[in-house]
Protein backbone atom coordinates (compact mmCIF):
# COMPACT_ATOMS: atom_id res chain seq x y z
CA MET A 1 129.13 77.65 75.37
CA ASN A 2 128.03 77.65 71.73
CA SER A 3 124.48 78.98 71.03
CA PRO A 4 122.22 77.85 67.97
CA LEU A 5 121.42 80.42 65.28
CA PRO A 6 118.47 82.59 66.17
CA ASP A 7 114.99 81.77 65.10
CA ALA A 8 113.30 84.03 62.57
CA ALA A 9 111.14 86.58 64.33
CA PRO A 10 107.50 86.60 63.50
CA GLY A 11 106.04 89.80 61.67
CA PHE A 12 104.41 92.58 63.79
CA ASP A 13 101.11 91.51 62.18
CA ARG A 14 101.22 88.74 64.92
CA PRO A 15 101.99 90.89 68.02
CA ILE A 16 101.32 88.05 70.52
CA ALA A 17 103.73 85.83 68.53
CA VAL A 18 106.25 88.52 68.73
CA LEU A 19 105.79 88.71 72.66
CA LYS A 20 106.33 84.95 72.65
CA HIS A 21 109.33 85.21 70.53
CA CYS A 22 110.81 87.81 72.92
CA HIS A 23 110.24 85.29 75.74
CA ASP A 24 112.15 82.60 73.72
CA ARG A 25 115.10 85.02 73.37
CA ILE A 26 115.01 85.77 77.11
CA ARG A 27 115.05 81.98 77.68
CA LYS A 28 118.00 81.56 75.49
CA GLN A 29 119.94 84.29 77.41
CA LEU A 30 118.92 82.70 80.67
CA ALA A 31 120.25 79.50 79.51
CA THR A 32 123.59 81.25 78.53
CA LEU A 33 123.59 82.43 82.21
CA GLU A 34 123.32 78.93 83.48
CA LYS A 35 126.21 77.86 81.22
CA LEU A 36 128.25 80.67 82.52
CA LEU A 37 127.80 79.44 86.04
CA ALA A 38 129.08 76.00 85.14
CA HIS A 39 131.88 77.48 82.82
CA LEU A 40 133.55 80.06 84.94
CA PRO A 41 134.91 77.84 87.75
CA GLY A 42 137.02 75.78 85.26
CA SER A 43 137.93 78.09 82.54
CA GLY A 44 137.57 81.65 84.10
CA ALA A 45 136.82 84.61 81.95
CA ASP A 46 138.00 83.23 78.73
CA GLU A 47 137.10 84.44 75.29
CA GLN A 48 134.04 82.30 75.34
CA ALA A 49 132.88 83.55 78.71
CA GLN A 50 133.47 87.30 77.61
CA GLN A 51 131.42 86.84 74.45
CA ALA A 52 128.52 85.16 76.48
CA ALA A 53 128.51 87.73 79.16
CA ALA A 54 128.57 90.48 76.36
CA ALA A 55 125.64 89.06 74.66
CA VAL A 56 123.60 88.81 77.81
CA ILE A 57 124.36 92.31 78.67
CA LYS A 58 123.31 93.50 75.21
CA TYR A 59 119.98 91.78 75.35
CA PHE A 60 118.96 92.67 78.86
CA ASP A 61 120.11 96.24 78.25
CA GLN A 62 118.35 96.71 74.84
CA GLY A 63 115.95 93.96 74.11
CA ALA A 64 114.25 93.38 77.51
CA PRO A 65 113.26 97.07 78.22
CA LEU A 66 111.46 96.96 74.95
CA HIS A 67 109.50 93.88 75.84
CA HIS A 68 108.65 95.42 79.29
CA ALA A 69 107.36 98.59 77.49
CA ASP A 70 105.25 96.59 75.15
CA GLU A 71 103.52 95.10 78.05
CA GLU A 72 103.37 98.17 80.31
CA GLU A 73 102.50 100.85 77.80
CA ASN A 74 100.44 98.84 75.31
CA LEU A 75 99.28 95.23 76.17
CA ILE A 76 98.23 95.78 79.71
CA PRO A 77 96.37 99.08 79.13
CA MET A 78 94.55 97.75 76.08
CA LEU A 79 93.56 94.62 77.97
CA ARG A 80 92.32 96.98 80.85
CA ALA A 81 90.23 98.79 78.32
CA VAL A 82 88.39 95.76 77.03
CA ALA A 83 88.38 93.16 79.93
CA ARG A 84 85.12 92.49 81.64
CA ASP A 85 83.75 90.36 84.41
CA ASP A 86 86.07 87.50 85.26
CA ASP A 87 88.73 88.87 82.84
CA ALA A 88 88.70 92.20 84.45
CA ALA A 89 89.06 90.64 87.97
CA THR A 90 92.00 88.57 86.80
CA LEU A 91 93.51 91.49 85.26
CA GLN A 92 93.13 93.71 88.22
CA ALA A 93 94.80 91.17 90.47
CA LEU A 94 97.59 90.23 88.02
CA ALA A 95 98.61 93.47 86.32
CA PRO A 96 100.09 95.04 89.59
CA VAL A 97 102.12 91.82 90.20
CA ILE A 98 103.42 91.79 86.73
CA LEU A 99 104.63 95.47 86.97
CA GLU A 100 106.26 94.86 90.41
CA GLN A 101 108.06 91.80 88.99
CA HIS A 102 109.37 93.90 86.23
CA HIS A 103 110.73 96.44 88.75
CA ALA A 104 112.15 93.60 90.94
CA MET A 105 113.97 91.99 87.94
CA ASP A 106 115.32 95.24 86.86
CA VAL A 107 116.79 95.73 90.50
CA THR A 108 118.38 92.18 90.31
CA TRP A 109 119.64 92.87 86.78
CA THR A 110 121.50 96.03 88.11
CA GLN A 111 123.35 93.82 90.59
CA LEU A 112 124.08 90.98 88.00
CA ARG A 113 125.16 93.41 85.28
CA GLU A 114 128.07 94.60 87.31
CA GLN A 115 129.55 91.21 87.65
CA LEU A 116 128.93 90.46 83.92
CA SER A 117 130.46 93.64 82.80
CA ALA A 118 133.74 92.48 84.64
CA ILE A 119 133.43 89.12 83.01
CA ALA A 120 132.97 90.68 79.52
CA ALA A 121 136.13 92.91 80.17
CA GLY A 122 138.13 89.93 81.22
CA THR A 123 138.96 91.57 84.52
CA ALA A 124 137.04 89.23 86.83
CA ALA A 125 135.42 85.60 86.63
CA THR A 126 132.91 85.63 89.49
CA LEU A 127 129.14 85.36 88.98
CA THR A 128 127.17 85.05 92.25
CA ASP A 129 125.17 81.90 92.22
CA ALA A 130 122.24 83.12 94.36
CA THR A 131 121.73 86.35 92.47
CA THR A 132 121.97 84.63 89.05
CA ARG A 133 119.54 81.76 90.07
CA GLN A 134 117.23 84.43 91.56
CA PHE A 135 117.11 86.35 88.23
CA ILE A 136 116.70 83.15 86.18
CA ASP A 137 113.96 81.71 88.40
CA ALA A 138 112.18 85.10 88.60
CA TYR A 139 112.20 85.73 84.84
CA THR A 140 111.07 82.02 84.01
CA ALA A 141 108.07 82.14 86.43
CA HIS A 142 107.21 85.59 85.16
CA MET A 143 107.09 84.41 81.50
CA VAL A 144 104.99 81.41 82.33
CA ARG A 145 102.53 83.59 84.25
CA GLU A 146 102.11 86.00 81.18
CA GLU A 147 101.96 83.10 78.56
CA SER A 148 99.15 81.28 80.58
CA THR A 149 97.15 84.38 81.28
CA LEU A 150 97.88 87.65 79.38
CA ALA A 151 98.55 86.21 75.95
CA PRO A 152 95.43 83.94 75.91
CA MET A 153 93.30 86.79 77.16
CA ALA A 154 94.43 89.10 74.37
CA MET A 155 93.83 86.40 71.87
CA ARG A 156 90.30 86.17 72.93
CA LEU A 157 89.50 89.82 73.39
CA PHE A 158 91.25 91.75 70.84
CA SER A 159 89.67 92.46 67.60
CA PRO A 160 91.92 92.40 64.30
CA GLU A 161 92.08 96.21 64.50
CA GLN A 162 93.41 96.12 68.13
CA MET A 163 95.92 93.41 67.21
CA GLN A 164 97.10 95.65 64.45
CA GLN A 165 97.40 98.68 66.84
CA LEU A 166 99.39 96.65 69.35
CA GLY A 167 101.75 95.30 66.48
CA ASP A 168 102.15 98.86 65.13
CA ALA A 169 103.05 100.20 68.50
CA MET A 170 105.65 97.42 69.14
CA GLN A 171 107.14 97.97 65.70
CA ALA A 172 107.33 101.84 66.20
CA ARG A 173 109.10 101.34 69.40
CA ARG A 174 111.78 99.21 67.76
CA ASN A 175 112.08 101.35 64.88
CA ALA A 176 112.40 104.46 66.91
CA SER A 177 115.67 106.26 66.12
CA PRO A 178 117.91 107.79 68.66
CA LYS A 179 116.99 111.08 70.00
CA PRO A 180 118.19 113.79 67.78
CA PRO A 181 120.59 116.56 68.83
CA GLU A 182 118.89 119.52 70.37
CA MET A 183 117.21 121.79 67.89
CA THR A 184 116.35 125.27 67.83
CA GLY A 185 114.27 127.70 65.64
CA THR A 186 112.37 126.48 62.53
CA ALA A 187 113.98 123.01 62.78
CA THR A 188 112.19 122.26 66.02
CA GLY A 189 108.94 123.23 64.39
CA SER A 190 109.63 120.94 61.53
CA ALA A 191 110.23 118.02 64.06
CA VAL A 192 107.13 118.76 65.76
CA ALA A 193 105.00 118.69 62.45
CA GLY A 194 106.17 115.14 62.05
CA LEU A 195 105.09 113.83 65.45
CA ARG A 196 101.84 111.77 65.12
CA LYS A 197 100.36 108.69 66.66
CA ASP A 198 97.73 106.62 64.88
CA TYR A 199 94.86 105.47 67.14
CA GLY A 200 93.12 102.17 66.93
CA GLN A 201 92.29 100.65 70.29
CA ALA A 202 88.52 100.88 69.98
CA SER A 203 85.62 102.30 68.22
CA LEU A 204 82.35 104.28 69.25
CA GLY A 205 79.29 103.01 67.33
CA ASP A 206 75.92 104.68 67.61
CA ALA A 207 74.54 101.58 69.33
CA ASP A 208 77.54 101.68 71.79
CA VAL A 209 76.42 104.70 73.66
CA ALA A 210 73.88 105.23 76.46
CA GLY A 211 70.66 107.27 76.00
CA ASP A 212 71.83 109.65 78.65
CA PRO A 213 75.12 111.40 78.57
CA ILE A 214 75.73 111.31 82.21
CA ASP A 215 75.36 107.54 82.05
CA GLN A 216 77.81 107.28 79.15
CA PHE A 217 80.35 109.46 80.92
CA THR A 218 80.00 107.25 83.97
CA ARG A 219 80.68 104.19 81.92
CA TRP A 220 83.80 105.77 80.40
CA PHE A 221 85.09 107.13 83.68
CA GLU A 222 84.69 103.62 85.10
CA GLU A 223 86.65 102.22 82.24
CA ALA A 224 89.41 104.69 82.87
CA LEU A 225 89.54 103.78 86.52
CA ARG A 226 89.88 100.22 85.67
CA ALA A 227 92.49 100.94 83.08
CA GLU A 228 94.40 102.86 85.70
CA VAL A 229 94.98 105.75 83.26
CA ASN A 230 97.17 108.63 84.81
CA GLU A 231 94.95 110.91 86.89
CA PRO A 232 91.61 109.94 85.28
CA ASN A 233 89.82 112.75 87.36
CA ALA A 234 92.06 115.49 85.95
CA MET A 235 90.30 117.89 83.58
CA ASN A 236 91.11 121.16 81.73
CA VAL A 237 88.69 124.07 82.70
CA ALA A 238 88.59 126.80 80.18
CA THR A 239 86.86 130.11 81.06
CA VAL A 240 86.70 133.60 79.46
CA ASP A 241 87.03 136.94 81.00
CA ALA A 242 84.80 140.09 80.49
CA SER A 243 86.80 141.08 77.43
CA GLY A 244 86.46 137.79 75.70
CA LYS A 245 90.00 136.48 76.40
CA PRO A 246 90.18 132.66 77.27
CA SER A 247 92.31 131.01 79.89
CA SER A 248 92.62 127.34 80.99
CA ARG A 249 94.05 125.14 83.58
CA ILE A 250 93.96 121.60 85.00
CA VAL A 251 91.95 120.89 87.97
CA LEU A 252 90.57 117.77 89.57
CA ILE A 253 86.95 116.84 89.37
CA LYS A 254 85.38 115.94 92.90
CA GLN A 255 81.94 114.95 91.91
CA PHE A 256 79.67 114.26 89.00
CA ASP A 257 75.99 113.43 88.67
CA ALA A 258 72.86 114.35 86.98
CA ARG A 259 73.30 117.91 88.26
CA GLY A 260 76.74 118.42 86.69
CA PHE A 261 80.46 118.26 87.11
CA THR A 262 81.87 119.80 90.42
CA TRP A 263 85.41 121.09 91.45
CA PHE A 264 86.61 123.24 94.39
CA THR A 265 88.72 126.22 94.24
CA ASN A 266 89.23 129.84 95.45
CA TYR A 267 86.47 132.10 94.34
CA ALA A 268 88.84 135.02 94.06
CA SER A 269 91.28 133.19 91.62
CA ARG A 270 91.56 134.09 88.12
CA LYS A 271 89.03 131.49 87.09
CA GLY A 272 86.66 132.56 89.78
CA VAL A 273 86.89 136.17 88.67
CA GLU A 274 86.29 135.16 85.01
CA LEU A 275 83.25 133.00 85.99
CA ALA A 276 81.79 135.83 87.89
CA ALA A 277 82.06 137.85 84.77
CA ASN A 278 80.95 135.15 82.36
CA PRO A 279 79.41 132.06 84.18
CA HIS A 280 80.04 129.68 81.13
CA ALA A 281 82.93 127.29 80.88
CA ALA A 282 84.35 124.24 78.99
CA ILE A 283 85.92 121.26 80.59
CA LEU A 284 88.01 118.62 78.76
CA PHE A 285 88.98 114.98 80.01
CA PHE A 286 91.73 113.42 78.08
CA TRP A 287 92.58 109.81 78.53
CA PRO A 288 95.36 109.06 76.12
CA GLU A 289 95.79 105.46 77.38
CA LEU A 290 92.28 104.71 76.07
CA GLU A 291 92.65 107.17 73.20
CA ARG A 292 89.60 109.15 74.29
CA GLN A 293 88.46 112.62 75.32
CA VAL A 294 85.21 113.97 76.60
CA ARG A 295 84.43 117.62 75.90
CA ILE A 296 81.70 119.25 78.12
CA GLU A 297 80.42 122.80 77.91
CA GLY A 298 77.79 124.56 80.04
CA ARG A 299 76.88 127.25 82.54
CA VAL A 300 78.68 127.33 85.91
CA GLU A 301 77.07 127.96 89.31
CA ARG A 302 78.58 127.87 92.82
CA VAL A 303 77.60 124.90 94.98
CA ASP A 304 75.83 125.80 98.35
CA ALA A 305 77.96 126.60 101.25
CA GLU A 306 76.99 123.51 103.06
CA GLU A 307 78.27 121.24 100.35
CA SER A 308 81.58 123.26 100.26
CA GLU A 309 81.95 123.12 103.95
CA SER A 310 81.34 119.20 103.91
CA TYR A 311 83.93 118.68 101.28
CA PHE A 312 86.58 121.16 102.75
CA HIS A 313 86.66 119.15 105.96
CA THR A 314 87.40 115.93 103.99
CA ARG A 315 90.64 117.23 102.58
CA PRO A 316 93.94 116.48 104.11
CA LEU A 317 95.12 118.91 106.81
CA LYS A 318 97.97 120.51 104.78
CA SER A 319 95.59 121.14 101.91
CA ARG A 320 93.13 122.81 104.27
CA LEU A 321 95.88 125.05 105.67
CA ALA A 322 97.10 125.76 102.17
CA ALA A 323 93.67 127.19 101.14
CA LEU A 324 93.84 129.62 104.00
CA ALA A 325 97.43 130.59 103.40
CA SER A 326 97.04 131.35 99.73
CA ALA A 327 95.27 134.19 98.04
CA GLN A 328 95.17 132.15 94.73
CA SER A 329 96.32 133.92 91.64
CA ALA A 330 97.55 137.04 93.67
CA PRO A 331 101.09 138.20 93.37
CA ILE A 332 103.59 137.47 96.17
CA ASP A 333 107.13 138.52 96.51
CA SER A 334 108.82 135.16 97.11
CA ARG A 335 108.41 131.49 98.04
CA ALA A 336 109.74 132.30 101.43
CA ALA A 337 106.86 134.71 101.96
CA LEU A 338 104.38 132.10 100.73
CA GLU A 339 105.84 129.61 103.22
CA ALA A 340 105.61 132.19 105.97
CA ASN A 341 102.01 132.58 105.33
CA TYR A 342 101.53 128.82 105.79
CA ASP A 343 103.50 128.81 108.89
CA ALA A 344 101.33 131.53 110.42
CA VAL A 345 98.08 129.93 109.50
CA ALA A 346 99.36 126.47 110.85
CA ALA A 347 100.28 128.08 114.14
CA GLN A 348 97.01 129.93 114.41
CA PHE A 349 94.63 127.09 113.45
CA GLY A 350 96.47 123.95 114.31
CA GLU A 351 94.56 120.96 113.12
CA GLN A 352 91.19 122.54 112.90
CA PRO A 353 91.44 125.34 110.13
CA PRO A 354 88.10 126.62 109.15
CA ARG A 355 86.92 126.81 105.55
CA PRO A 356 87.94 130.25 103.94
CA ALA A 357 84.76 132.24 103.07
CA GLN A 358 86.28 132.77 99.64
CA TRP A 359 86.74 129.02 98.94
CA GLY A 360 84.24 126.57 97.71
CA GLY A 361 82.91 124.47 94.77
CA TYR A 362 81.62 125.22 91.26
CA ARG A 363 79.36 123.04 89.32
CA LEU A 364 79.34 123.01 85.53
CA VAL A 365 75.67 122.16 84.43
CA PRO A 366 76.22 120.64 81.10
CA GLU A 367 74.57 121.65 77.99
CA TYR A 368 76.86 119.91 75.52
CA LEU A 369 78.88 116.71 75.76
CA GLU A 370 81.01 115.20 72.99
CA PHE A 371 82.42 111.68 73.39
CA TRP A 372 85.56 111.36 71.12
CA GLN A 373 87.12 108.05 70.40
CA GLY A 374 90.47 108.03 68.52
CA ARG A 375 90.41 105.98 65.20
CA ARG A 376 93.03 105.30 62.41
CA SER A 377 94.13 107.86 60.03
CA ARG A 378 92.46 110.75 62.02
CA PHE A 379 88.98 109.25 61.02
CA HIS A 380 87.79 109.54 64.52
CA ASP A 381 84.45 108.70 66.22
CA ARG A 382 82.50 111.79 67.73
CA ILE A 383 79.21 111.46 69.33
CA VAL A 384 77.47 114.72 70.74
CA TYR A 385 74.68 115.07 73.19
CA GLU A 386 72.90 118.57 73.41
CA ARG A 387 70.43 119.60 75.99
CA GLN A 388 67.06 120.57 74.64
CA ALA A 389 64.73 123.35 75.92
CA ASP A 390 62.62 120.70 77.61
CA GLY A 391 65.69 119.15 79.37
CA THR A 392 65.81 116.11 77.20
CA TRP A 393 69.05 115.41 75.23
CA SER A 394 69.36 114.99 71.56
CA ARG A 395 72.30 112.85 70.12
CA HIS A 396 74.08 113.02 66.75
CA ARG A 397 77.33 112.07 65.19
CA LEU A 398 79.93 114.77 63.93
CA GLN A 399 82.38 114.27 61.15
CA PRO A 400 85.95 113.98 62.23
């Protein structure tokens, strides 16, 4: 049951080597499990077995989750952002498998940990052979798949700056201190002031952007889809009322093309009332996984009734009924009253609810688009397009 001294870990300036080192540590723990299976029938939960079980628990409770987070939160999103053609296809097929395997191994670990805890405590000496071998085999095959595909892809595709960004994220994850006790008052403000993330996944050069801003937005939106960022179609819409007071909210874009950016809502809602008074707005897309945001400003117009009608009937039935049941932004006495409205509408219209007259689409016709790419030390890239009087676009760079 004796184990060799641990190998020295590589520095975080070599993040792929660190990932391989994590795999080597996992393999040592899997070998310990193999030894436990052979040791327990003859020796029981003796001191050696207790120490071995405790060591396995410690690693898979503490070390393995960090390694999984490295892949799920950094390595895979970064690869999705840069992979093209065959690499993109390989990643599209492989990444969901890797994430599902992480989940499956976590489930098996939960079962295995209970037995190991009893062994570590000296209260039992049973380790189920089938569960243990399932865990060992799954992890072994999983690591081979990553080492033969993800690691070489990263070595080929990542720039030195991206390697540094990956290593910095991995180091920060391991250096993160335990969450502090709940703070109040000015202490909380002090803690917030210290929160920061240094960006470095990509750059945005003047030669990298398209001549037309809609083409550039399409390019970035498709990259956000490939990277499977969280709700890539979510955007903040900011409006201003007649007295100049702003308000904002998150909505989902439903269409964009050369005409502009379209979403659907209740025309009598707060944003609808404000747009009636001041038909100008700003929208913002933020894709943190890619360290990007797009700011768009322009005038807003209603889409025609035919377009609103067409889209309304593609919505799920419950969403169509909800649009009829809710006078958006108007006060109501209780949730129960809101539910009663829904039930009444559902009873009245069944599966064929009509589009409410006050419900439809808005299209922001862009006059200004800014593409923002996070860079290190807050020295970001900002490329702006502005519509000219003749309908053409000018383009220039802004200082960060």
